[in-house]
Amino acid sequence: MNDDNNQDDNNWYVDDRCTNCDVARQLAPGLIGEVDGRSEVLRQPRGAAEERRLHAAAFACPSRSVRHPSRRLAPALDPFPLPLGDGDDTVLLCGHNSPHTAGANAFLLKRPSGTAMMIDTPRWSEALATRYESFGAVTDVLLTHRDHAAHGRRYADRFGARLWIHEGDLDAAPDADRILRGTGPAEIAEGVVAHPLPGHTRGSVLYVADERYCFSGDSFYWSRTTDDIEVAESVTWYSITELAASLARTADRLRFEWLLAGHGDRKQLPAPQMAQRMRELTARVREMRPRPIDFTAVRW
């Protein structure tokens, strides 16, 4: 059931503000799925673990559409920032996705020095900023591209951090403190390399940390539908031809195990398998041609 006026008192539901951004489906697979071009609760939770998954989806949802009819979300049940899992707490998912960044995922990257970096931005709030910096003083806010820049300056100022963006998208953050230029890789901190990847936008960048974590922005993502790395060719704003050239130039330089995209699932595979899939993606994208913008064509 989907509307506020037709809810059983014990049922979680998704209201009609849903933008079909996929965030809730990432966090509560099997409980929330896509039905007729929007998210819907497929079944109610069974036990505490599934209840926690629905709370994670509710706290992350950018339109606040995942709801319970008889109680408000309790702040004590907010799980974010959330470690990737398997005992790995180097990267944390920020949650609280923002409607001003198309519901994109944002991440905290902890560094050996005890500091942290934020990659893209969650929705802004002072309380969230305080929570995020409790995991380490945030020294840098790394923007992957213009679509995810909405709260960058505000978080950077709050943390006393440097704000990074590529020159191709500089008009989205004209007061950035650090500007990436050209198409070559640049080590911006120990173990952290920026790889400009024009295509989705003129100034798209991906960041690779410790040859383990790849923050790909909207350049490519892990698709549940195809069980593979994909590009969202139907929402490649700048040029699919440029994206193909960027991948051809960059893919062989990349080594990582975790794919952490702005949209789409988080996925871990051994580095050689990721490298092979990147080579196959590069070959597929080389054959793609420009197409009309169509959000519904993305294969999450």
Protein backbone atom coordinates (compact mmCIF):
# COMPACT_ATOMS: atom_id res chain seq x y z
CA MET A 1 0.00 0.00 0.00
CA ASN A 2 1.34 3.36 -0.97
CA ASP A 3 -0.67 6.32 0.33
CA ASP A 4 -1.03 7.88 3.77
CA ASN A 5 -4.77 7.31 4.00
CA ASN A 6 -4.76 3.58 3.51
CA GLN A 7 -2.26 2.21 6.01
CA ASP A 8 -2.56 -0.55 8.59
CA ASP A 9 -1.21 0.69 11.93
CA ASN A 10 1.50 -1.97 11.93
CA ASN A 11 2.76 -1.53 8.38
CA TRP A 12 5.82 0.26 7.10
CA TYR A 13 5.14 1.90 3.74
CA VAL A 14 6.60 4.23 1.11
CA ASP A 15 4.63 7.42 0.57
CA ASP A 16 3.92 9.15 -2.72
CA ARG A 17 6.88 11.54 -2.47
CA CYS A 18 9.19 8.70 -3.60
CA THR A 19 11.52 9.77 -6.43
CA ASN A 20 12.66 6.22 -7.29
CA CYS A 21 16.26 7.07 -6.38
CA ASP A 22 17.09 3.48 -5.29
CA VAL A 23 18.54 4.44 -1.87
CA ALA A 24 15.99 2.50 0.18
CA ARG A 25 16.29 -0.55 -2.06
CA GLN A 26 20.05 -0.61 -1.51
CA LEU A 27 19.66 -0.63 2.27
CA ALA A 28 16.64 -2.92 2.63
CA PRO A 29 16.85 -5.44 -0.23
CA GLY A 30 14.03 -7.95 -0.14
CA LEU A 31 11.97 -5.63 2.03
CA ILE A 32 11.77 -2.68 -0.36
CA GLY A 33 11.70 -3.12 -4.13
CA GLU A 34 10.79 -1.28 -7.31
CA VAL A 35 7.17 -1.52 -8.40
CA ASP A 36 5.82 0.50 -11.34
CA GLY A 37 8.71 2.97 -11.32
CA ARG A 38 8.89 3.68 -7.59
CA SER A 39 9.93 2.01 -4.36
CA GLU A 40 7.43 -0.02 -2.38
CA VAL A 41 7.54 -2.09 0.79
CA LEU A 42 7.32 -5.68 -0.44
CA ARG A 43 6.79 -7.23 2.96
CA GLN A 44 6.95 -6.27 6.63
CA PRO A 45 10.10 -6.95 8.68
CA ARG A 46 10.54 -10.22 10.52
CA GLY A 47 12.67 -9.70 13.58
CA ALA A 48 15.03 -7.04 14.86
CA ALA A 49 17.63 -7.31 12.07
CA GLU A 50 15.09 -6.59 9.34
CA GLU A 51 13.58 -3.80 11.43
CA ARG A 52 17.03 -2.20 11.57
CA ARG A 53 17.32 -2.43 7.79
CA LEU A 54 14.06 -0.54 7.37
CA HIS A 55 15.21 2.10 9.83
CA ALA A 56 18.43 2.53 7.81
CA ALA A 57 16.36 2.97 4.65
CA ALA A 58 14.12 5.50 6.37
CA PHE A 59 16.99 7.60 7.73
CA ALA A 60 18.77 7.58 4.34
CA CYS A 61 15.78 8.24 2.07
CA PRO A 62 16.19 11.76 0.58
CA SER A 63 12.44 12.37 0.34
CA ARG A 64 11.75 10.87 3.79
CA SER A 65 9.26 8.55 2.07
CA VAL A 66 9.94 5.35 4.05
CA ARG A 67 7.57 5.67 6.95
CA HIS A 68 5.74 3.95 9.77
CA PRO A 69 2.15 5.16 10.31
CA SER A 70 2.06 4.95 14.10
CA ARG A 71 5.47 6.16 15.28
CA ARG A 72 8.15 8.69 14.45
CA LEU A 73 11.70 7.65 13.69
CA ALA A 74 13.65 7.52 16.93
CA PRO A 75 17.08 9.21 16.67
CA ALA A 76 18.55 6.41 18.78
CA LEU A 77 17.78 4.00 15.92
CA ASP A 78 19.71 6.03 13.33
CA PRO A 79 22.59 3.71 12.27
CA PHE A 80 24.63 6.25 10.32
CA PRO A 81 27.44 6.58 9.54
CA LEU A 82 27.45 2.89 8.76
CA PRO A 83 30.61 0.76 8.19
CA LEU A 84 30.76 -1.20 4.96
CA GLY A 85 30.70 -4.49 6.83
CA ASP A 86 32.89 -7.57 7.32
CA GLY A 87 34.76 -5.78 10.09
CA ASP A 88 35.97 -3.01 7.74
CA ASP A 89 35.47 0.43 9.29
CA THR A 90 37.86 2.41 7.09
CA VAL A 91 34.91 3.67 5.02
CA LEU A 92 31.52 4.59 6.42
CA LEU A 93 28.33 5.31 4.51
CA CYS A 94 27.03 8.71 5.65
CA GLY A 95 23.32 8.03 5.02
CA HIS A 96 20.92 10.98 5.18
CA ASN A 97 21.02 11.35 1.41
CA SER A 98 20.09 14.79 0.17
CA PRO A 99 17.35 15.72 -2.30
CA HIS A 100 19.73 18.45 -3.51
CA THR A 101 22.24 15.86 -4.75
CA ALA A 102 19.67 13.61 -6.48
CA GLY A 103 19.76 11.33 -3.43
CA ALA A 104 23.44 10.45 -3.92
CA ASN A 105 25.43 8.40 -1.44
CA ALA A 106 28.21 10.11 0.52
CA PHE A 107 31.06 8.48 2.40
CA LEU A 108 33.57 9.09 5.18
CA LEU A 109 37.09 7.78 4.54
CA LYS A 110 39.13 7.34 7.71
CA ARG A 111 42.88 7.84 7.42
CA PRO A 112 45.74 6.27 9.43
CA SER A 113 46.52 9.67 10.97
CA GLY A 114 43.17 9.66 12.76
CA THR A 115 41.64 12.20 10.39
CA ALA A 116 38.94 11.63 7.79
CA MET A 117 37.80 12.76 4.36
CA MET A 118 34.21 13.18 3.17
CA ILE A 119 33.44 12.09 -0.38
CA ASP A 120 30.38 13.91 -1.72
CA THR A 121 27.88 15.20 0.80
CA PRO A 122 24.83 14.05 2.72
CA ARG A 123 22.02 16.47 3.59
CA TRP A 124 23.23 19.34 5.72
CA SER A 125 22.62 19.57 9.44
CA GLU A 126 24.78 20.73 12.32
CA ALA A 127 23.93 17.61 14.29
CA LEU A 128 25.08 15.38 11.43
CA ALA A 129 28.32 17.35 11.03
CA THR A 130 29.06 16.84 14.72
CA ARG A 131 28.36 13.13 14.39
CA TYR A 132 30.57 12.71 11.32
CA GLU A 133 33.56 14.51 12.81
CA SER A 134 33.44 12.25 15.88
CA PHE A 135 35.04 9.62 13.62
CA GLY A 136 38.04 11.88 12.97
CA ALA A 137 38.69 15.52 12.13
CA VAL A 138 37.53 15.95 8.53
CA THR A 139 40.34 17.58 6.57
CA ASP A 140 38.94 17.41 3.03
CA VAL A 141 35.59 17.30 1.25
CA LEU A 142 36.05 15.64 -2.15
CA LEU A 143 33.37 16.31 -4.76
CA THR A 144 33.08 13.80 -7.58
CA HIS A 145 31.15 16.20 -9.85
CA ARG A 146 28.68 19.06 -10.05
CA ASP A 147 25.51 17.05 -9.27
CA HIS A 148 26.81 16.25 -5.77
CA ALA A 149 28.18 19.68 -4.84
CA ALA A 150 25.13 21.12 -3.06
CA HIS A 151 26.38 21.05 0.55
CA GLY A 152 30.12 20.93 -0.08
CA ARG A 153 31.00 24.46 0.98
CA ARG A 154 28.86 24.29 4.10
CA TYR A 155 30.40 21.04 5.32
CA ALA A 156 33.90 22.21 4.43
CA ASP A 157 33.45 25.45 6.37
CA ARG A 158 31.97 23.61 9.35
CA PHE A 159 34.90 21.18 9.46
CA GLY A 160 37.58 23.73 8.54
CA ALA A 161 38.30 21.43 5.60
CA ARG A 162 39.51 21.91 2.03
CA LEU A 163 36.84 21.62 -0.68
CA TRP A 164 37.94 19.86 -3.90
CA ILE A 165 36.39 19.89 -7.39
CA HIS A 166 37.62 19.54 -10.97
CA GLU A 167 37.96 22.62 -13.15
CA GLY A 168 35.38 21.21 -15.58
CA ASP A 169 32.65 21.56 -12.95
CA LEU A 170 34.09 24.57 -11.14
CA ASP A 171 30.98 26.70 -11.69
CA ALA A 172 29.15 24.32 -9.31
CA ALA A 173 31.63 25.15 -6.51
CA PRO A 174 33.41 28.34 -7.58
CA ASP A 175 34.78 28.91 -4.07
CA ALA A 176 36.51 25.51 -3.90
CA ASP A 177 39.86 25.51 -2.12
CA ARG A 178 41.55 22.94 -4.36
CA ILE A 179 40.95 22.62 -8.10
CA LEU A 180 41.88 19.49 -10.02
CA ARG A 181 42.97 20.14 -13.60
CA GLY A 182 43.48 18.15 -16.76
CA THR A 183 42.93 14.43 -17.20
CA GLY A 184 45.94 12.91 -15.46
CA PRO A 185 45.86 11.24 -12.03
CA ALA A 186 46.88 13.31 -9.01
CA GLU A 187 47.81 12.07 -5.53
CA ILE A 188 45.94 14.50 -3.29
CA ALA A 189 46.87 12.88 0.03
CA GLU A 190 48.90 9.88 1.10
CA GLY A 191 47.24 6.88 -0.47
CA VAL A 192 44.44 8.89 -2.12
CA VAL A 193 44.53 9.44 -5.90
CA ALA A 194 42.11 11.55 -7.95
CA HIS A 195 41.41 10.34 -11.49
CA PRO A 196 39.59 12.90 -13.68
CA LEU A 197 36.99 11.05 -15.76
CA PRO A 198 35.10 13.44 -18.07
CA GLY A 199 31.90 11.89 -19.36
CA HIS A 200 28.98 11.97 -16.95
CA THR A 201 29.88 15.64 -16.57
CA ARG A 202 32.82 17.59 -17.94
CA GLY A 203 34.44 17.65 -14.48
CA SER A 204 33.67 14.17 -13.17
CA VAL A 205 36.37 12.66 -10.94
CA LEU A 206 36.76 9.35 -9.17
CA TYR A 207 38.92 8.89 -6.08
CA VAL A 208 40.82 5.70 -5.22
CA ALA A 209 42.09 5.20 -1.67
CA ASP A 210 44.73 2.69 -0.62
CA GLU A 211 44.27 0.75 -3.89
CA ARG A 212 41.20 -0.69 -2.17
CA TYR A 213 38.29 1.76 -2.29
CA CYS A 214 37.00 3.40 -5.48
CA PHE A 215 34.59 6.32 -5.05
CA SER A 216 33.21 6.55 -8.57
CA GLY A 217 30.58 9.28 -8.23
CA ASP A 218 28.20 8.85 -11.15
CA SER A 219 30.81 7.66 -13.66
CA PHE A 220 30.01 3.98 -13.15
CA TYR A 221 28.21 1.85 -10.56
CA TRP A 222 27.35 -1.71 -9.52
CA SER A 223 24.03 -2.89 -10.96
CA ARG A 224 21.90 -5.48 -9.17
CA THR A 225 20.06 -6.10 -12.44
CA THR A 226 23.12 -7.11 -14.47
CA ASP A 227 25.36 -8.13 -11.53
CA ASP A 228 28.14 -6.09 -13.09
CA ILE A 229 29.74 -2.65 -13.34
CA GLU A 230 27.68 -0.35 -15.56
CA VAL A 231 27.54 3.24 -16.75
CA ALA A 232 24.26 5.14 -16.73
CA GLU A 233 24.43 6.04 -20.41
CA SER A 234 20.89 7.48 -20.38
CA VAL A 235 21.91 10.12 -17.82
CA THR A 236 25.40 10.89 -19.10
CA TRP A 237 24.99 14.65 -19.28
CA TYR A 238 28.23 15.63 -21.01
CA SER A 239 29.32 12.95 -23.48
CA ILE A 240 29.24 9.16 -23.65
CA THR A 241 32.03 9.42 -26.24
CA GLU A 242 34.20 11.33 -23.75
CA LEU A 243 33.37 8.79 -21.06
CA ALA A 244 34.54 5.99 -23.34
CA ALA A 245 37.81 7.86 -23.93
CA SER A 246 38.21 8.50 -20.20
CA LEU A 247 37.76 4.82 -19.39
CA ALA A 248 40.19 3.80 -22.11
CA ARG A 249 42.76 6.19 -20.65
CA THR A 250 42.16 5.33 -16.99
CA ALA A 251 40.81 1.81 -16.45
CA ASP A 252 44.17 0.02 -16.61
CA ARG A 253 45.57 2.38 -13.96
CA LEU A 254 42.87 1.54 -11.44
CA ARG A 255 43.30 -1.05 -8.71
CA PHE A 256 40.53 -1.44 -6.14
CA GLU A 257 38.36 -4.00 -4.34
CA TRP A 258 35.37 -1.90 -3.23
CA LEU A 259 33.20 -0.04 -5.75
CA LEU A 260 31.45 2.81 -3.91
CA ALA A 261 29.27 4.82 -6.28
CA GLY A 262 27.04 7.82 -5.84
CA HIS A 263 24.11 5.70 -6.97
CA GLY A 264 23.84 1.93 -7.14
CA ASP A 265 24.99 -0.82 -4.82
CA ARG A 266 28.27 -1.07 -2.94
CA LYS A 267 30.25 -4.09 -4.09
CA GLN A 268 33.43 -5.86 -3.03
CA LEU A 269 35.38 -8.25 -5.27
CA PRO A 270 39.05 -9.26 -5.41
CA ALA A 271 41.08 -6.60 -7.21
CA PRO A 272 41.90 -8.81 -10.24
CA GLN A 273 38.18 -9.45 -10.78
CA MET A 274 37.39 -5.74 -10.53
CA ALA A 275 40.18 -5.03 -13.04
CA GLN A 276 38.73 -7.56 -15.49
CA ARG A 277 35.25 -6.11 -15.15
CA MET A 278 36.63 -2.62 -15.74
CA ARG A 279 38.28 -3.81 -18.95
CA GLU A 280 35.00 -5.34 -20.09
CA LEU A 281 33.10 -2.16 -19.18
CA THR A 282 35.58 -0.08 -21.19
CA ALA A 283 34.97 -2.27 -24.25
CA ARG A 284 31.17 -2.00 -23.87
CA VAL A 285 31.17 1.76 -23.45
CA ARG A 286 33.33 2.16 -26.55
CA GLU A 287 30.36 0.85 -28.56
CA MET A 288 27.75 3.14 -26.97
CA ARG A 289 26.29 6.14 -28.75
CA PRO A 290 24.55 9.24 -27.38
CA ARG A 291 20.92 8.70 -26.42
CA PRO A 292 18.08 10.84 -25.03
CA ILE A 293 18.08 11.48 -21.30
CA ASP A 294 15.88 8.89 -19.59
CA PHE A 295 16.11 8.27 -15.83
CA THR A 296 13.84 5.22 -16.09
CA ALA A 297 16.33 3.42 -18.32
CA VAL A 298 18.98 3.09 -15.59
CA ARG A 299 19.42 -0.56 -14.63
CA TRP A 300 19.88 -0.42 -10.87
